[in-house]
Amino acid sequence: MDDRTRVGVLSFSGAVSLFELGHSGSTSCEVYEGSSLAGADDLSSLMLRQSRFVVALKHCRQNLSNVLAYLVESAPLAYVPNPKFDRVLLEPC
């Protein structure tokens, strides 16, 4: 993937998590319960802060790697496609 490609991570199950890749040196996320509905104010707020969620790959490679590793490690084994997951795939190219 080209370093200018904008990426973001959204995961969902019982809740929806929007990972903030734009923070330098750390990763956080906003979590919305699956049973609640986001209102117009919530969506407007997210759109204004989109630069924290969708970032050029060259600026978030380590955070992206951390998020993907976390998602794989926290997934129930039945949902991981290959139990012999090779973490090297998450390292920068």
N, C-alpha and C. Protein backbone atom coordinates (compact mmCIF):
# COMPACT_ATOMS: atom_id res chain seq x y z
N MET A 1 0.83 -1.16 0.00
CA MET A 1 0.00 0.00 0.00
C MET A 1 0.89 1.24 0.00
N ASP A 2 0.52 2.21 -0.79
CA ASP A 2 1.25 3.45 -0.86
C ASP A 2 1.15 4.21 0.46
N ASP A 3 2.23 4.88 0.88
CA ASP A 3 2.25 5.61 2.15
C ASP A 3 1.21 6.73 2.21
N ARG A 4 0.74 7.20 1.06
CA ARG A 4 -0.26 8.27 1.05
C ARG A 4 -1.68 7.75 1.21
N THR A 5 -1.86 6.42 1.12
CA THR A 5 -3.19 5.82 1.25
C THR A 5 -3.75 6.11 2.63
N ARG A 6 -4.98 6.61 2.68
CA ARG A 6 -5.60 6.91 3.96
C ARG A 6 -6.28 5.65 4.48
N VAL A 7 -6.01 5.33 5.74
CA VAL A 7 -6.54 4.11 6.35
C VAL A 7 -7.26 4.44 7.65
N GLY A 8 -8.16 3.56 8.03
CA GLY A 8 -8.88 3.66 9.29
C GLY A 8 -9.29 2.26 9.71
N VAL A 9 -9.60 2.10 10.99
CA VAL A 9 -10.00 0.79 11.50
C VAL A 9 -11.31 0.95 12.27
N LEU A 10 -12.27 0.15 11.88
CA LEU A 10 -13.57 0.08 12.52
C LEU A 10 -13.82 -1.39 12.82
N SER A 11 -14.15 -1.71 14.06
CA SER A 11 -14.49 -3.10 14.38
C SER A 11 -15.87 -3.11 15.03
N PHE A 12 -16.54 -4.22 14.88
CA PHE A 12 -17.86 -4.30 15.48
C PHE A 12 -18.19 -5.72 15.88
N SER A 13 -18.97 -5.81 16.91
CA SER A 13 -19.49 -7.07 17.43
C SER A 13 -20.66 -6.66 18.31
N GLY A 14 -20.51 -6.75 19.64
CA GLY A 14 -21.53 -6.24 20.54
C GLY A 14 -21.49 -4.74 20.63
N ALA A 15 -20.39 -4.15 20.18
CA ALA A 15 -20.20 -2.70 20.18
C ALA A 15 -19.42 -2.32 18.92
N VAL A 16 -19.47 -1.06 18.57
CA VAL A 16 -18.71 -0.55 17.43
C VAL A 16 -17.54 0.26 17.98
N SER A 17 -16.33 -0.05 17.51
CA SER A 17 -15.14 0.66 17.96
C SER A 17 -14.50 1.38 16.78
N LEU A 18 -14.27 2.68 16.94
CA LEU A 18 -13.56 3.48 15.95
C LEU A 18 -12.18 3.78 16.53
N PHE A 19 -11.15 3.24 15.91
CA PHE A 19 -9.79 3.41 16.43
C PHE A 19 -9.18 4.70 15.92
N GLU A 20 -8.59 5.46 16.83
CA GLU A 20 -7.95 6.72 16.50
C GLU A 20 -6.49 6.46 16.16
N LEU A 21 -6.19 6.43 14.89
CA LEU A 21 -4.83 6.14 14.43
C LEU A 21 -3.97 7.38 14.36
N GLY A 22 -4.56 8.55 14.46
CA GLY A 22 -3.85 9.79 14.26
C GLY A 22 -3.08 10.31 15.46
N HIS A 23 -3.14 9.63 16.59
CA HIS A 23 -2.38 10.06 17.76
C HIS A 23 -0.95 9.54 17.65
N SER A 24 0.00 10.38 17.90
CA SER A 24 1.40 9.98 17.83
C SER A 24 1.78 9.15 19.04
N GLY A 25 2.25 7.94 18.81
CA GLY A 25 2.78 7.11 19.89
C GLY A 25 1.76 6.37 20.71
N SER A 26 0.46 6.57 20.47
CA SER A 26 -0.54 5.83 21.24
C SER A 26 -1.77 5.63 20.37
N THR A 27 -2.58 4.70 20.78
CA THR A 27 -3.80 4.40 20.06
C THR A 27 -4.95 4.36 21.06
N SER A 28 -6.04 4.97 20.72
CA SER A 28 -7.24 4.88 21.54
C SER A 28 -8.41 4.66 20.62
N CYS A 29 -9.58 4.46 21.20
CA CYS A 29 -10.75 4.28 20.35
C CYS A 29 -11.98 4.81 21.05
N GLU A 30 -13.00 5.08 20.25
CA GLU A 30 -14.30 5.44 20.77
C GLU A 30 -15.18 4.22 20.57
N VAL A 31 -15.92 3.85 21.60
CA VAL A 31 -16.74 2.65 21.56
C VAL A 31 -18.20 3.05 21.71
N TYR A 32 -19.03 2.53 20.82
CA TYR A 32 -20.46 2.77 20.85
C TYR A 32 -21.17 1.43 21.02
N GLU A 33 -22.04 1.35 21.99
CA GLU A 33 -22.77 0.11 22.22
C GLU A 33 -23.61 -0.22 21.00
N GLY A 34 -23.69 -1.51 20.71
CA GLY A 34 -24.46 -1.95 19.54
C GLY A 34 -25.94 -1.67 19.66
N SER A 35 -26.45 -1.55 20.88
CA SER A 35 -27.88 -1.35 21.06
C SER A 35 -28.28 0.12 21.00
N SER A 36 -27.31 1.03 21.02
CA SER A 36 -27.65 2.45 20.99
C SER A 36 -27.55 3.00 19.57
N LEU A 37 -28.26 4.05 19.34
CA LEU A 37 -28.23 4.69 18.03
C LEU A 37 -27.47 6.01 18.14
N ALA A 38 -26.61 6.25 17.19
CA ALA A 38 -25.89 7.52 17.17
C ALA A 38 -26.83 8.59 16.63
N GLY A 39 -26.86 9.71 17.32
CA GLY A 39 -27.70 10.81 16.87
C GLY A 39 -26.98 11.69 15.87
N ALA A 40 -27.68 12.64 15.32
CA ALA A 40 -27.10 13.55 14.33
C ALA A 40 -25.92 14.32 14.91
N ASP A 41 -26.01 14.72 16.19
CA ASP A 41 -24.90 15.44 16.82
C ASP A 41 -23.66 14.56 16.93
N ASP A 42 -23.87 13.27 17.26
CA ASP A 42 -22.74 12.34 17.36
C ASP A 42 -22.05 12.19 16.00
N LEU A 43 -22.84 12.03 14.95
CA LEU A 43 -22.27 11.85 13.61
C LEU A 43 -21.55 13.11 13.14
N SER A 44 -22.12 14.27 13.43
CA SER A 44 -21.47 15.53 13.06
C SER A 44 -20.14 15.68 13.79
N SER A 45 -20.12 15.32 15.05
CA SER A 45 -18.89 15.39 15.84
C SER A 45 -17.83 14.47 15.28
N LEU A 46 -18.22 13.26 14.90
CA LEU A 46 -17.26 12.31 14.31
C LEU A 46 -16.69 12.85 12.99
N MET A 47 -17.53 13.45 12.17
CA MET A 47 -17.07 13.98 10.90
C MET A 47 -16.06 15.11 11.11
N LEU A 48 -16.28 15.95 12.11
CA LEU A 48 -15.35 17.04 12.39
C LEU A 48 -14.00 16.52 12.88
N ARG A 49 -14.01 15.34 13.51
CA ARG A 49 -12.78 14.78 14.07
C ARG A 49 -12.23 13.64 13.23
N GLN A 50 -12.65 13.53 11.96
CA GLN A 50 -12.26 12.40 11.14
C GLN A 50 -10.75 12.27 10.96
N SER A 51 -10.00 13.35 11.07
CA SER A 51 -8.55 13.27 10.88
C SER A 51 -7.89 12.41 11.96
N ARG A 52 -8.56 12.17 13.07
CA ARG A 52 -8.02 11.29 14.11
C ARG A 52 -8.27 9.83 13.78
N PHE A 53 -9.27 9.56 12.93
CA PHE A 53 -9.66 8.19 12.63
C PHE A 53 -9.14 7.68 11.28
N VAL A 54 -9.01 8.57 10.31
CA VAL A 54 -8.56 8.20 8.97
C VAL A 54 -7.30 9.00 8.68
N VAL A 55 -6.17 8.29 8.55
CA VAL A 55 -4.86 8.93 8.48
C VAL A 55 -4.04 8.29 7.35
N ALA A 56 -3.15 9.07 6.75
CA ALA A 56 -2.23 8.53 5.74
C ALA A 56 -1.37 7.44 6.39
N LEU A 57 -1.19 6.36 5.68
CA LEU A 57 -0.45 5.20 6.20
C LEU A 57 0.92 5.58 6.75
N LYS A 58 1.62 6.52 6.09
CA LYS A 58 2.96 6.87 6.55
C LYS A 58 2.95 7.50 7.93
N HIS A 59 1.81 8.01 8.39
CA HIS A 59 1.72 8.65 9.70
C HIS A 59 1.18 7.73 10.80
N CYS A 60 0.74 6.53 10.42
CA CYS A 60 0.09 5.69 11.44
C CYS A 60 0.48 4.22 11.37
N ARG A 61 1.57 3.91 10.69
CA ARG A 61 1.94 2.50 10.48
C ARG A 61 2.07 1.75 11.80
N GLN A 62 2.73 2.32 12.81
CA GLN A 62 2.91 1.62 14.08
C GLN A 62 1.57 1.48 14.82
N ASN A 63 0.77 2.54 14.85
CA ASN A 63 -0.54 2.45 15.50
C ASN A 63 -1.43 1.42 14.81
N LEU A 64 -1.39 1.38 13.49
CA LEU A 64 -2.17 0.40 12.75
C LEU A 64 -1.72 -1.01 13.10
N SER A 65 -0.42 -1.22 13.16
CA SER A 65 0.12 -2.53 13.54
C SER A 65 -0.34 -2.92 14.94
N ASN A 66 -0.32 -1.97 15.87
CA ASN A 66 -0.76 -2.25 17.24
C ASN A 66 -2.24 -2.62 17.30
N VAL A 67 -3.07 -1.90 16.56
CA VAL A 67 -4.51 -2.18 16.56
C VAL A 67 -4.78 -3.55 15.97
N LEU A 68 -4.16 -3.87 14.84
CA LEU A 68 -4.38 -5.18 14.21
C LEU A 68 -3.92 -6.31 15.12
N ALA A 69 -2.79 -6.14 15.78
CA ALA A 69 -2.30 -7.16 16.71
C ALA A 69 -3.29 -7.33 17.86
N TYR A 70 -3.80 -6.23 18.40
CA TYR A 70 -4.77 -6.29 19.48
C TYR A 70 -6.04 -7.02 19.04
N LEU A 71 -6.55 -6.71 17.85
CA LEU A 71 -7.77 -7.35 17.37
C LEU A 71 -7.58 -8.84 17.18
N VAL A 72 -6.44 -9.25 16.65
CA VAL A 72 -6.17 -10.67 16.46
C VAL A 72 -6.03 -11.38 17.81
N GLU A 73 -5.28 -10.77 18.73
CA GLU A 73 -5.05 -11.39 20.03
C GLU A 73 -6.32 -11.48 20.86
N SER A 74 -7.24 -10.54 20.70
CA SER A 74 -8.45 -10.54 21.52
C SER A 74 -9.60 -11.30 20.88
N ALA A 75 -9.45 -11.72 19.64
CA ALA A 75 -10.52 -12.46 18.96
C ALA A 75 -10.59 -13.88 19.49
N PRO A 76 -11.82 -14.40 19.64
CA PRO A 76 -11.93 -15.82 20.00
C PRO A 76 -11.23 -16.67 18.94
N LEU A 77 -10.56 -17.71 19.37
CA LEU A 77 -9.77 -18.52 18.45
C LEU A 77 -10.58 -19.02 17.26
N ALA A 78 -11.87 -19.27 17.46
CA ALA A 78 -12.71 -19.76 16.37
C ALA A 78 -12.81 -18.76 15.22
N TYR A 79 -12.58 -17.46 15.51
CA TYR A 79 -12.71 -16.43 14.48
C TYR A 79 -11.39 -16.05 13.84
N VAL A 80 -10.29 -16.54 14.35
CA VAL A 80 -8.99 -16.24 13.76
C VAL A 80 -8.78 -17.21 12.60
N PRO A 81 -8.62 -16.71 11.37
CA PRO A 81 -8.53 -17.59 10.20
C PRO A 81 -7.42 -18.63 10.29
N ASN A 82 -6.29 -18.28 10.85
CA ASN A 82 -5.17 -19.22 10.94
C ASN A 82 -4.57 -19.11 12.33
N PRO A 83 -4.73 -20.15 13.18
CA PRO A 83 -4.19 -20.07 14.54
C PRO A 83 -2.68 -19.86 14.57
N LYS A 84 -1.98 -20.16 13.48
CA LYS A 84 -0.53 -19.96 13.42
C LYS A 84 -0.23 -18.60 12.80
N PHE A 85 -1.01 -17.62 13.20
CA PHE A 85 -0.88 -16.26 12.67
C PHE A 85 0.54 -15.77 12.84
N ASP A 86 1.10 -15.27 11.77
CA ASP A 86 2.48 -14.81 11.78
C ASP A 86 2.50 -13.30 11.98
N ARG A 87 2.98 -12.84 13.14
CA ARG A 87 2.97 -11.42 13.47
C ARG A 87 3.86 -10.60 12.54
N VAL A 88 4.73 -11.25 11.79
CA VAL A 88 5.58 -10.52 10.86
C VAL A 88 4.73 -9.78 9.83
N LEU A 89 3.53 -10.28 9.55
CA LEU A 89 2.66 -9.62 8.57
C LEU A 89 2.29 -8.21 9.01
N LEU A 90 2.38 -7.94 10.30
CA LEU A 90 1.99 -6.62 10.80
C LEU A 90 3.15 -5.63 10.83
N GLU A 91 4.35 -6.10 10.58
CA GLU A 91 5.52 -5.24 10.63
C GLU A 91 5.57 -4.33 9.41
N PRO A 92 6.16 -3.15 9.53
CA PRO A 92 6.28 -2.24 8.37
C PRO A 92 7.02 -2.89 7.22
N CYS A 93 6.56 -2.57 6.03
CA CYS A 93 7.22 -3.11 4.82
C CYS A 93 8.51 -2.37 4.54
